[in-house]
Amino acid sequence: MVAAVPYVALAMTAASAVGQYQAGKAQAASMEGQANAVDAQSSVTKLAGRQNALQHKRQAVASLDNVLRAMASNNARAGAGHIDADSGSISSINNEILSIGVRDVSTASANETITRGMAGYQATLQNDQAARLRAGAPVARRTGVFNAMAVMGQGMMSGAQVGAFGSSTSATGNVLGKPA
């Protein structure tokens, strides 16, 4: 029974080494999965950026609609009062309304550009993160292999020390049988 102990220890070492190898593979697969998830999030970020940019365009169109309504209302009032809408204070008021509208459209356009740029930047960061995860996956796989080799090496050293490979040590000697 005592003679089987080194072999049981070696078998447990081999099982541990297989576990290390499998852990490396699992970590690599996990990193690939995370990279895919981050890529998907990048696509969502780009889409959200486009949607937000469209919202700014809608605001610009709404602002221009309001300008046209206000100018039409002023022109209608002027016409009802038999005043020339293209002259005097009505023209000045319409020019002021138009300038406010142009400013609103300009602001909405700038916001659209900023929104698209920020979404693009965020998506680029997410793509970079996915690339780093993908680059780390083979490293994790290799680390699993190296850890398995280290566990096997340690197990073999331990096995050699207890005589599992036919050599023995004593309190007064070493593996080669020479005094210490």
N, C-alpha and C. Protein backbone atom coordinates (compact mmCIF):
# COMPACT_ATOMS: atom_id res chain seq x y z
N MET A 1 0.82 -1.19 0.00
CA MET A 1 0.00 0.00 0.00
C MET A 1 0.86 1.25 0.00
N VAL A 2 1.94 1.27 0.77
CA VAL A 2 2.84 2.41 0.84
C VAL A 2 3.52 2.63 -0.50
N ALA A 3 3.77 1.57 -1.26
CA ALA A 3 4.43 1.70 -2.56
C ALA A 3 3.53 2.42 -3.56
N ALA A 4 2.23 2.39 -3.38
CA ALA A 4 1.31 3.04 -4.31
C ALA A 4 1.18 4.54 -4.06
N VAL A 5 1.60 5.00 -2.91
CA VAL A 5 1.45 6.41 -2.55
C VAL A 5 2.13 7.33 -3.57
N PRO A 6 3.36 7.07 -4.01
CA PRO A 6 3.97 7.97 -4.99
C PRO A 6 3.18 8.03 -6.30
N TYR A 7 2.61 6.90 -6.69
CA TYR A 7 1.86 6.88 -7.95
C TYR A 7 0.53 7.64 -7.83
N VAL A 8 -0.07 7.54 -6.67
CA VAL A 8 -1.29 8.30 -6.42
C VAL A 8 -0.97 9.80 -6.46
N ALA A 9 0.16 10.16 -5.86
CA ALA A 9 0.57 11.56 -5.87
C ALA A 9 0.85 12.03 -7.29
N LEU A 10 1.47 11.19 -8.09
CA LEU A 10 1.73 11.57 -9.48
C LEU A 10 0.42 11.70 -10.27
N ALA A 11 -0.52 10.81 -10.01
CA ALA A 11 -1.81 10.87 -10.69
C ALA A 11 -2.54 12.16 -10.30
N MET A 12 -2.46 12.52 -9.04
CA MET A 12 -3.09 13.76 -8.59
C MET A 12 -2.38 14.97 -9.21
N THR A 13 -1.08 14.88 -9.36
CA THR A 13 -0.32 15.94 -10.02
C THR A 13 -0.76 16.08 -11.47
N ALA A 14 -0.91 14.93 -12.14
CA ALA A 14 -1.35 14.97 -13.54
C ALA A 14 -2.75 15.58 -13.64
N ALA A 15 -3.62 15.23 -12.72
CA ALA A 15 -4.98 15.79 -12.72
C ALA A 15 -4.93 17.29 -12.48
N SER A 16 -4.07 17.72 -11.59
CA SER A 16 -3.92 19.14 -11.33
C SER A 16 -3.38 19.86 -12.57
N ALA A 17 -2.44 19.23 -13.27
CA ALA A 17 -1.87 19.82 -14.48
C ALA A 17 -2.95 19.97 -15.55
N VAL A 18 -3.80 18.94 -15.69
CA VAL A 18 -4.90 19.01 -16.66
C VAL A 18 -5.84 20.15 -16.26
N GLY A 19 -6.08 20.30 -14.98
CA GLY A 19 -6.92 21.40 -14.49
C GLY A 19 -6.33 22.76 -14.85
N GLN A 20 -5.03 22.90 -14.70
CA GLN A 20 -4.36 24.15 -15.06
C GLN A 20 -4.49 24.44 -16.55
N TYR A 21 -4.33 23.40 -17.35
CA TYR A 21 -4.46 23.54 -18.80
C TYR A 21 -5.89 23.96 -19.16
N GLN A 22 -6.87 23.27 -18.56
CA GLN A 22 -8.27 23.59 -18.83
C GLN A 22 -8.62 25.00 -18.35
N ALA A 23 -8.05 25.41 -17.22
CA ALA A 23 -8.30 26.76 -16.72
C ALA A 23 -7.79 27.80 -17.70
N GLY A 24 -6.63 27.56 -18.29
CA GLY A 24 -6.08 28.47 -19.30
C GLY A 24 -7.00 28.56 -20.52
N LYS A 25 -7.49 27.40 -20.96
CA LYS A 25 -8.41 27.38 -22.10
C LYS A 25 -9.70 28.12 -21.76
N ALA A 26 -10.21 27.89 -20.56
CA ALA A 26 -11.46 28.53 -20.15
C ALA A 26 -11.29 30.05 -20.06
N GLN A 27 -10.16 30.48 -19.52
CA GLN A 27 -9.92 31.92 -19.43
C GLN A 27 -9.82 32.53 -20.83
N ALA A 28 -9.16 31.83 -21.75
CA ALA A 28 -9.06 32.32 -23.12
C ALA A 28 -10.45 32.43 -23.76
N ALA A 29 -11.27 31.40 -23.55
CA ALA A 29 -12.63 31.43 -24.10
C ALA A 29 -13.44 32.56 -23.48
N SER A 30 -13.25 32.77 -22.19
CA SER A 30 -13.95 33.87 -21.52
C SER A 30 -13.53 35.21 -22.10
N MET A 31 -12.26 35.38 -22.35
CA MET A 31 -11.76 36.63 -22.92
C MET A 31 -12.32 36.84 -24.33
N GLU A 32 -12.41 35.79 -25.11
CA GLU A 32 -13.00 35.89 -26.44
C GLU A 32 -14.46 36.30 -26.34
N GLY A 33 -15.18 35.69 -25.39
CA GLY A 33 -16.58 36.04 -25.18
C GLY A 33 -16.74 37.49 -24.75
N GLN A 34 -15.88 37.94 -23.86
CA GLN A 34 -15.92 39.34 -23.44
C GLN A 34 -15.63 40.27 -24.61
N ALA A 35 -14.68 39.88 -25.45
CA ALA A 35 -14.34 40.69 -26.62
C ALA A 35 -15.55 40.80 -27.55
N ASN A 36 -16.25 39.69 -27.76
CA ASN A 36 -17.44 39.72 -28.61
C ASN A 36 -18.51 40.62 -28.00
N ALA A 37 -18.67 40.55 -26.68
CA ALA A 37 -19.66 41.40 -26.00
C ALA A 37 -19.30 42.87 -26.13
N VAL A 38 -18.03 43.19 -26.01
CA VAL A 38 -17.59 44.58 -26.12
C VAL A 38 -17.76 45.07 -27.56
N ASP A 39 -17.51 44.19 -28.54
CA ASP A 39 -17.75 44.56 -29.94
C ASP A 39 -19.23 44.87 -30.16
N ALA A 40 -20.09 44.04 -29.59
CA ALA A 40 -21.53 44.28 -29.72
C ALA A 40 -21.91 45.60 -29.06
N GLN A 41 -21.33 45.88 -27.90
CA GLN A 41 -21.60 47.15 -27.21
C GLN A 41 -21.12 48.32 -28.06
N SER A 42 -20.01 48.14 -28.76
CA SER A 42 -19.50 49.19 -29.64
C SER A 42 -20.51 49.51 -30.73
N SER A 43 -21.12 48.47 -31.29
CA SER A 43 -22.14 48.69 -32.32
C SER A 43 -23.35 49.44 -31.74
N VAL A 44 -23.73 49.08 -30.52
CA VAL A 44 -24.85 49.76 -29.86
C VAL A 44 -24.50 51.22 -29.60
N THR A 45 -23.27 51.47 -29.20
CA THR A 45 -22.82 52.85 -28.93
C THR A 45 -22.89 53.69 -30.21
N LYS A 46 -22.43 53.12 -31.32
CA LYS A 46 -22.49 53.85 -32.59
C LYS A 46 -23.95 54.15 -32.96
N LEU A 47 -24.81 53.16 -32.82
CA LEU A 47 -26.21 53.35 -33.16
C LEU A 47 -26.86 54.40 -32.25
N ALA A 48 -26.56 54.33 -30.96
CA ALA A 48 -27.11 55.33 -30.03
C ALA A 48 -26.62 56.73 -30.40
N GLY A 49 -25.37 56.83 -30.81
CA GLY A 49 -24.83 58.12 -31.23
C GLY A 49 -25.57 58.67 -32.44
N ARG A 50 -25.87 57.77 -33.39
CA ARG A 50 -26.62 58.21 -34.57
C ARG A 50 -28.03 58.66 -34.19
N GLN A 51 -28.64 57.91 -33.28
CA GLN A 51 -29.99 58.28 -32.83
C GLN A 51 -29.99 59.63 -32.13
N ASN A 52 -29.01 59.84 -31.28
CA ASN A 52 -28.92 61.14 -30.58
C ASN A 52 -28.65 62.27 -31.56
N ALA A 53 -27.83 61.99 -32.57
CA ALA A 53 -27.54 63.01 -33.58
C ALA A 53 -28.81 63.34 -34.37
N LEU A 54 -29.61 62.33 -34.65
CA LEU A 54 -30.88 62.59 -35.34
C LEU A 54 -31.81 63.45 -34.49
N GLN A 55 -31.76 63.25 -33.19
CA GLN A 55 -32.57 64.07 -32.29
C GLN A 55 -32.19 65.55 -32.42
N HIS A 56 -30.90 65.81 -32.55
CA HIS A 56 -30.44 67.19 -32.73
C HIS A 56 -30.93 67.74 -34.07
N LYS A 57 -30.94 66.90 -35.11
CA LYS A 57 -31.47 67.34 -36.40
C LYS A 57 -32.96 67.67 -36.28
N ARG A 58 -33.69 66.83 -35.54
CA ARG A 58 -35.12 67.09 -35.34
C ARG A 58 -35.32 68.44 -34.63
N GLN A 59 -34.46 68.73 -33.66
CA GLN A 59 -34.56 70.01 -32.96
C GLN A 59 -34.33 71.17 -33.92
N ALA A 60 -33.38 71.01 -34.83
CA ALA A 60 -33.10 72.07 -35.81
C ALA A 60 -34.31 72.29 -36.72
N VAL A 61 -34.90 71.17 -37.18
CA VAL A 61 -36.07 71.29 -38.05
C VAL A 61 -37.23 71.93 -37.29
N ALA A 62 -37.43 71.54 -36.04
CA ALA A 62 -38.51 72.13 -35.23
C ALA A 62 -38.27 73.62 -35.04
N SER A 63 -37.03 74.01 -34.84
CA SER A 63 -36.71 75.42 -34.67
C SER A 63 -37.04 76.20 -35.95
N LEU A 64 -36.65 75.63 -37.09
CA LEU A 64 -36.96 76.31 -38.35
C LEU A 64 -38.47 76.39 -38.59
N ASP A 65 -39.20 75.34 -38.22
CA ASP A 65 -40.67 75.38 -38.32
C ASP A 65 -41.23 76.51 -37.47
N ASN A 66 -40.72 76.65 -36.27
CA ASN A 66 -41.20 77.73 -35.38
C ASN A 66 -40.90 79.11 -35.97
N VAL A 67 -39.72 79.24 -36.58
CA VAL A 67 -39.35 80.51 -37.22
C VAL A 67 -40.33 80.83 -38.34
N LEU A 68 -40.61 79.82 -39.18
CA LEU A 68 -41.52 80.06 -40.30
C LEU A 68 -42.92 80.41 -39.81
N ARG A 69 -43.38 79.71 -38.76
CA ARG A 69 -44.70 80.02 -38.20
C ARG A 69 -44.76 81.46 -37.66
N ALA A 70 -43.71 81.82 -36.91
CA ALA A 70 -43.70 83.16 -36.32
C ALA A 70 -43.66 84.23 -37.41
N MET A 71 -42.85 84.01 -38.44
CA MET A 71 -42.77 84.99 -39.52
C MET A 71 -44.08 85.05 -40.30
N ALA A 72 -44.69 83.90 -40.53
CA ALA A 72 -45.98 83.89 -41.24
C ALA A 72 -47.04 84.60 -40.41
N SER A 73 -47.03 84.38 -39.11
CA SER A 73 -47.99 85.04 -38.22
C SER A 73 -47.80 86.56 -38.26
N ASN A 74 -46.57 87.01 -38.21
CA ASN A 74 -46.27 88.45 -38.28
C ASN A 74 -46.73 89.04 -39.61
N ASN A 75 -46.45 88.30 -40.67
CA ASN A 75 -46.85 88.78 -42.00
C ASN A 75 -48.38 88.84 -42.11
N ALA A 76 -49.05 87.85 -41.54
CA ALA A 76 -50.52 87.85 -41.58
C ALA A 76 -51.08 89.02 -40.79
N ARG A 77 -50.51 89.31 -39.61
CA ARG A 77 -50.97 90.45 -38.81
C ARG A 77 -50.74 91.75 -39.56
N ALA A 78 -49.57 91.84 -40.19
CA ALA A 78 -49.25 93.05 -40.94
C ALA A 78 -50.22 93.22 -42.10
N GLY A 79 -50.50 92.14 -42.78
CA GLY A 79 -51.43 92.19 -43.91
C GLY A 79 -52.83 92.55 -43.45
N ALA A 80 -53.24 92.04 -42.29
CA ALA A 80 -54.57 92.35 -41.76
C ALA A 80 -54.68 93.83 -41.42
N GLY A 81 -53.56 94.43 -41.06
CA GLY A 81 -53.57 95.85 -40.70
C GLY A 81 -53.19 96.72 -41.87
N HIS A 82 -53.15 96.16 -43.07
CA HIS A 82 -52.80 96.88 -44.29
C HIS A 82 -51.41 97.52 -44.20
N ILE A 83 -50.44 96.73 -43.60
CA ILE A 83 -49.06 97.21 -43.48
C ILE A 83 -48.20 96.33 -44.39
N ASP A 84 -47.23 96.95 -45.05
CA ASP A 84 -46.32 96.20 -45.92
C ASP A 84 -45.41 95.35 -45.03
N ALA A 85 -45.48 94.03 -45.20
CA ALA A 85 -44.71 93.10 -44.34
C ALA A 85 -43.22 93.14 -44.62
N ASP A 86 -42.83 93.67 -45.77
CA ASP A 86 -41.41 93.70 -46.13
C ASP A 86 -40.72 95.00 -45.74
N SER A 87 -41.40 95.83 -44.98
CA SER A 87 -40.77 97.08 -44.60
C SER A 87 -41.03 97.37 -43.13
N GLY A 88 -40.27 98.28 -42.59
CA GLY A 88 -40.49 98.79 -41.24
C GLY A 88 -40.24 97.78 -40.14
N SER A 89 -41.02 97.94 -39.08
CA SER A 89 -40.80 97.16 -37.87
C SER A 89 -41.12 95.67 -38.07
N ILE A 90 -42.06 95.33 -38.94
CA ILE A 90 -42.38 93.92 -39.19
C ILE A 90 -41.17 93.23 -39.79
N SER A 91 -40.52 93.87 -40.73
CA SER A 91 -39.32 93.29 -41.34
C SER A 91 -38.21 93.12 -40.30
N SER A 92 -38.06 94.09 -39.43
CA SER A 92 -37.04 93.99 -38.37
C SER A 92 -37.34 92.84 -37.42
N ILE A 93 -38.61 92.72 -37.06
CA ILE A 93 -39.00 91.61 -36.16
C ILE A 93 -38.75 90.28 -36.84
N ASN A 94 -39.12 90.16 -38.11
CA ASN A 94 -38.89 88.91 -38.83
C ASN A 94 -37.40 88.59 -38.95
N ASN A 95 -36.59 89.61 -39.16
CA ASN A 95 -35.13 89.39 -39.22
C ASN A 95 -34.59 88.90 -37.88
N GLU A 96 -35.12 89.45 -36.79
CA GLU A 96 -34.69 89.00 -35.46
C GLU A 96 -35.10 87.54 -35.22
N ILE A 97 -36.35 87.24 -35.60
CA ILE A 97 -36.82 85.84 -35.45
C ILE A 97 -35.94 84.91 -36.29
N LEU A 98 -35.63 85.32 -37.50
CA LEU A 98 -34.80 84.50 -38.38
C LEU A 98 -33.41 84.31 -37.80
N SER A 99 -32.85 85.35 -37.21
CA SER A 99 -31.51 85.22 -36.63
C SER A 99 -31.51 84.26 -35.44
N ILE A 100 -32.58 84.28 -34.65
CA ILE A 100 -32.71 83.33 -33.53
C ILE A 100 -32.79 81.91 -34.08
N GLY A 101 -33.56 81.73 -35.13
CA GLY A 101 -33.69 80.42 -35.75
C GLY A 101 -32.37 79.90 -36.30
N VAL A 102 -31.62 80.77 -36.95
CA VAL A 102 -30.32 80.38 -37.50
C VAL A 102 -29.38 79.98 -36.36
N ARG A 103 -29.41 80.73 -35.29
CA ARG A 103 -28.57 80.40 -34.13
C ARG A 103 -28.96 79.04 -33.55
N ASP A 104 -30.27 78.77 -33.45
CA ASP A 104 -30.74 77.47 -32.94
C ASP A 104 -30.30 76.33 -33.85
N VAL A 105 -30.41 76.54 -35.15
CA VAL A 105 -30.01 75.50 -36.11
C VAL A 105 -28.50 75.27 -36.02
N SER A 106 -27.75 76.33 -35.90
CA SER A 106 -26.29 76.21 -35.79
C SER A 106 -25.91 75.43 -34.53
N THR A 107 -26.57 75.75 -33.42
CA THR A 107 -26.31 75.04 -32.17
C THR A 107 -26.67 73.57 -32.29
N ALA A 108 -27.82 73.29 -32.89
CA ALA A 108 -28.24 71.89 -33.06
C ALA A 108 -27.26 71.13 -33.96
N SER A 109 -26.77 71.80 -34.99
CA SER A 109 -25.80 71.18 -35.89
C SER A 109 -24.49 70.87 -35.16
N ALA A 110 -24.04 71.82 -34.36
CA ALA A 110 -22.82 71.59 -33.57
C ALA A 110 -23.03 70.44 -32.58
N ASN A 111 -24.20 70.41 -31.95
CA ASN A 111 -24.49 69.31 -31.01
C ASN A 111 -24.52 67.97 -31.73
N GLU A 112 -25.04 67.95 -32.94
CA GLU A 112 -25.07 66.71 -33.72
C GLU A 112 -23.65 66.24 -34.00
N THR A 113 -22.80 67.15 -34.41
CA THR A 113 -21.41 66.81 -34.71
C THR A 113 -20.70 66.30 -33.46
N ILE A 114 -20.90 66.97 -32.35
CA ILE A 114 -20.28 66.55 -31.09
C ILE A 114 -20.79 65.17 -30.68
N THR A 115 -22.09 64.96 -30.80
CA THR A 115 -22.69 63.68 -30.40
C THR A 115 -22.12 62.54 -31.25
N ARG A 116 -22.06 62.74 -32.56
CA ARG A 116 -21.50 61.70 -33.43
C ARG A 116 -20.03 61.45 -33.09
N GLY A 117 -19.29 62.53 -32.86
CA GLY A 117 -17.86 62.37 -32.53
C GLY A 117 -17.65 61.62 -31.23
N MET A 118 -18.43 61.95 -30.22
CA MET A 118 -18.29 61.27 -28.92
C MET A 118 -18.68 59.80 -29.03
N ALA A 119 -19.74 59.51 -29.77
CA ALA A 119 -20.14 58.11 -29.96
C ALA A 119 -19.06 57.35 -30.71
N GLY A 120 -18.49 57.98 -31.72
CA GLY A 120 -17.40 57.34 -32.47
C GLY A 120 -16.18 57.09 -31.59
N TYR A 121 -15.86 58.07 -30.77
CA TYR A 121 -14.71 57.91 -29.86
C TYR A 121 -14.96 56.78 -28.86
N GLN A 122 -16.15 56.76 -28.29
CA GLN A 122 -16.50 55.69 -27.33
C GLN A 122 -16.45 54.33 -28.01
N ALA A 123 -16.96 54.25 -29.22
CA ALA A 123 -16.93 52.98 -29.96
C ALA A 123 -15.50 52.55 -30.25
N THR A 124 -14.64 53.52 -30.56
CA THR A 124 -13.23 53.20 -30.81
C THR A 124 -12.57 52.65 -29.55
N LEU A 125 -12.86 53.26 -28.41
CA LEU A 125 -12.33 52.74 -27.14
C LEU A 125 -12.81 51.32 -26.88
N GLN A 126 -14.08 51.07 -27.18
CA GLN A 126 -14.62 49.73 -26.97
C GLN A 126 -13.98 48.73 -27.93
N ASN A 127 -13.74 49.14 -29.18
CA ASN A 127 -13.07 48.25 -30.13
C ASN A 127 -11.65 47.95 -29.68
N ASP A 128 -10.97 48.96 -29.14
CA ASP A 128 -9.62 48.74 -28.61
C ASP A 128 -9.63 47.76 -27.44
N GLN A 129 -10.63 47.90 -26.57
CA GLN A 129 -10.74 46.97 -25.44
C GLN A 129 -10.97 45.55 -25.94
N ALA A 130 -11.82 45.40 -26.94
CA ALA A 130 -12.07 44.07 -27.51
C ALA A 130 -10.78 43.50 -28.12
N ALA A 131 -10.02 44.34 -28.79
CA ALA A 131 -8.76 43.88 -29.38
C ALA A 131 -7.77 43.43 -28.30
N ARG A 132 -7.73 44.17 -27.18
CA ARG A 132 -6.83 43.78 -26.08
C ARG A 132 -7.27 42.45 -25.48
N LEU A 133 -8.57 42.26 -25.34
CA LEU A 133 -9.06 40.98 -24.82
C LEU A 133 -8.70 39.84 -25.77
N ARG A 134 -8.87 40.07 -27.06
CA ARG A 134 -8.54 39.03 -28.04
C ARG A 134 -7.05 38.74 -28.03
N ALA A 135 -6.24 39.78 -27.86
CA ALA A 135 -4.79 39.57 -27.81
C ALA A 135 -4.39 38.82 -26.55
N GLY A 136 -5.14 39.00 -25.47
CA GLY A 136 -4.82 38.32 -24.22
C GLY A 136 -5.24 36.86 -24.19
N ALA A 137 -6.18 36.47 -25.05
CA ALA A 137 -6.68 35.10 -25.03
C ALA A 137 -5.58 34.07 -25.30
N PRO A 138 -4.74 34.24 -26.34
CA PRO A 138 -3.66 33.26 -26.55
C PRO A 138 -2.67 33.23 -25.38
N VAL A 139 -2.46 34.38 -24.77
CA VAL A 139 -1.56 34.44 -23.61
C VAL A 139 -2.14 33.61 -22.47
N ALA A 140 -3.44 33.72 -22.25
CA ALA A 140 -4.09 32.93 -21.20
C ALA A 140 -3.98 31.45 -21.51
N ARG A 141 -4.15 31.09 -22.79
CA ARG A 141 -4.02 29.68 -23.19
C ARG A 141 -2.60 29.18 -22.91
N ARG A 142 -1.60 29.97 -23.32
CA ARG A 142 -0.21 29.56 -23.09
C ARG A 142 0.11 29.51 -21.60
N THR A 143 -0.43 30.45 -20.84
CA THR A 143 -0.22 30.43 -19.39
C THR A 143 -0.76 29.14 -18.80
N GLY A 144 -1.90 28.69 -19.27
CA GLY A 144 -2.45 27.41 -18.81
C GLY A 144 -1.52 26.26 -19.11
N VAL A 145 -0.93 26.27 -20.31
CA VAL A 145 0.02 25.21 -20.67
C VAL A 145 1.26 25.28 -19.78
N PHE A 146 1.80 26.48 -19.59
CA PHE A 146 2.99 26.62 -18.75
C PHE A 146 2.71 26.25 -17.30
N ASN A 147 1.54 26.63 -16.80
CA ASN A 147 1.18 26.24 -15.43
C ASN A 147 1.07 24.73 -15.32
N ALA A 148 0.50 24.10 -16.34
CA ALA A 148 0.39 22.63 -16.33
C ALA A 148 1.78 21.99 -16.33
N MET A 149 2.66 22.55 -17.12
CA MET A 149 4.04 22.02 -17.16
C MET A 149 4.73 22.22 -15.82
N ALA A 150 4.51 23.35 -15.19
CA ALA A 150 5.13 23.62 -13.89
C ALA A 150 4.61 22.64 -12.84
N VAL A 151 3.30 22.41 -12.86
CA VAL A 151 2.71 21.46 -11.89
C VAL A 151 3.29 20.07 -12.13
N MET A 152 3.40 19.66 -13.38
CA MET A 152 3.98 18.34 -13.69
C MET A 152 5.43 18.27 -13.24
N GLY A 153 6.19 19.34 -13.48
CA GLY A 153 7.59 19.36 -13.06
C GLY A 153 7.73 19.26 -11.55
N GLN A 154 6.88 20.00 -10.83
CA GLN A 154 6.93 19.93 -9.37
C GLN A 154 6.53 18.54 -8.90
N GLY A 155 5.54 17.97 -9.53
CA GLY A 155 5.11 16.62 -9.15
C GLY A 155 6.19 15.59 -9.41
N MET A 156 6.88 15.74 -10.52
CA MET A 156 7.96 14.80 -10.84
C MET A 156 9.11 14.95 -9.85
N MET A 157 9.40 16.19 -9.47
CA MET A 157 10.46 16.41 -8.48
C MET A 157 10.07 15.78 -7.14
N SER A 158 8.82 15.98 -6.76
CA SER A 158 8.35 15.37 -5.51
C SER A 158 8.38 13.87 -5.61
N GLY A 159 7.96 13.35 -6.77
CA GLY A 159 7.98 11.89 -6.96
C GLY A 159 9.39 11.33 -6.90
N ALA A 160 10.34 12.04 -7.48
CA ALA A 160 11.73 11.60 -7.44
C ALA A 160 12.26 11.61 -6.02
N GLN A 161 11.82 12.57 -5.23
CA GLN A 161 12.30 12.66 -3.86
C GLN A 161 11.78 11.51 -3.00
N VAL A 162 10.60 10.99 -3.33
CA VAL A 162 10.06 9.89 -2.53
C VAL A 162 10.31 8.54 -3.17
N GLY A 163 11.03 8.51 -4.29
CA GLY A 163 11.42 7.24 -4.90
C GLY A 163 10.42 6.67 -5.87
N ALA A 164 9.60 7.46 -6.46
CA ALA A 164 8.60 6.96 -7.38
C ALA A 164 9.19 6.46 -8.69
N PHE A 165 10.39 6.86 -9.01
CA PHE A 165 11.00 6.49 -10.29
C PHE A 165 12.14 5.49 -10.10
N GLY A 166 12.14 4.79 -9.02
CA GLY A 166 13.15 3.76 -8.80
C GLY A 166 14.40 4.25 -8.12
N SER A 167 14.58 5.52 -7.94
CA SER A 167 15.75 6.01 -7.22
C SER A 167 15.30 6.36 -5.82
N SER A 168 16.19 6.34 -4.94
CA SER A 168 15.82 6.64 -3.56
C SER A 168 16.83 7.58 -2.95
N THR A 169 16.40 8.21 -1.93
CA THR A 169 17.29 9.08 -1.17
C THR A 169 17.28 8.59 0.26
N SER A 170 18.27 8.95 0.94
CA SER A 170 18.33 8.60 2.35
C SER A 170 18.68 9.84 3.14
N ALA A 171 18.64 9.71 4.41
CA ALA A 171 18.96 10.84 5.27
C ALA A 171 20.44 11.21 5.14
N THR A 172 21.24 10.28 4.69
CA THR A 172 22.66 10.55 4.60
C THR A 172 23.16 10.75 3.18
N GLY A 173 22.31 10.64 2.20
CA GLY A 173 22.76 10.77 0.82
C GLY A 173 21.78 11.54 -0.02
N ASN A 174 22.03 11.53 -1.32
CA ASN A 174 21.12 12.21 -2.26
C ASN A 174 20.71 11.21 -3.32
N VAL A 175 20.10 11.66 -4.42
CA VAL A 175 19.60 10.76 -5.44
C VAL A 175 20.71 9.91 -6.03
N LEU A 176 21.89 10.44 -6.11
CA LEU A 176 23.01 9.70 -6.69
C LEU A 176 23.65 8.75 -5.68
N GLY A 177 23.18 8.74 -4.47
CA GLY A 177 23.71 7.85 -3.45
C GLY A 177 24.99 8.33 -2.83
N LYS A 178 25.39 9.52 -3.10
CA LYS A 178 26.63 10.06 -2.53
C LYS A 178 26.29 10.81 -1.26
N PRO A 179 27.17 10.82 -0.29
CA PRO A 179 26.93 11.54 0.95
C PRO A 179 26.73 13.05 0.68
N ALA A 180 25.87 13.61 1.45
CA ALA A 180 25.57 15.02 1.30
C ALA A 180 26.64 15.90 1.86
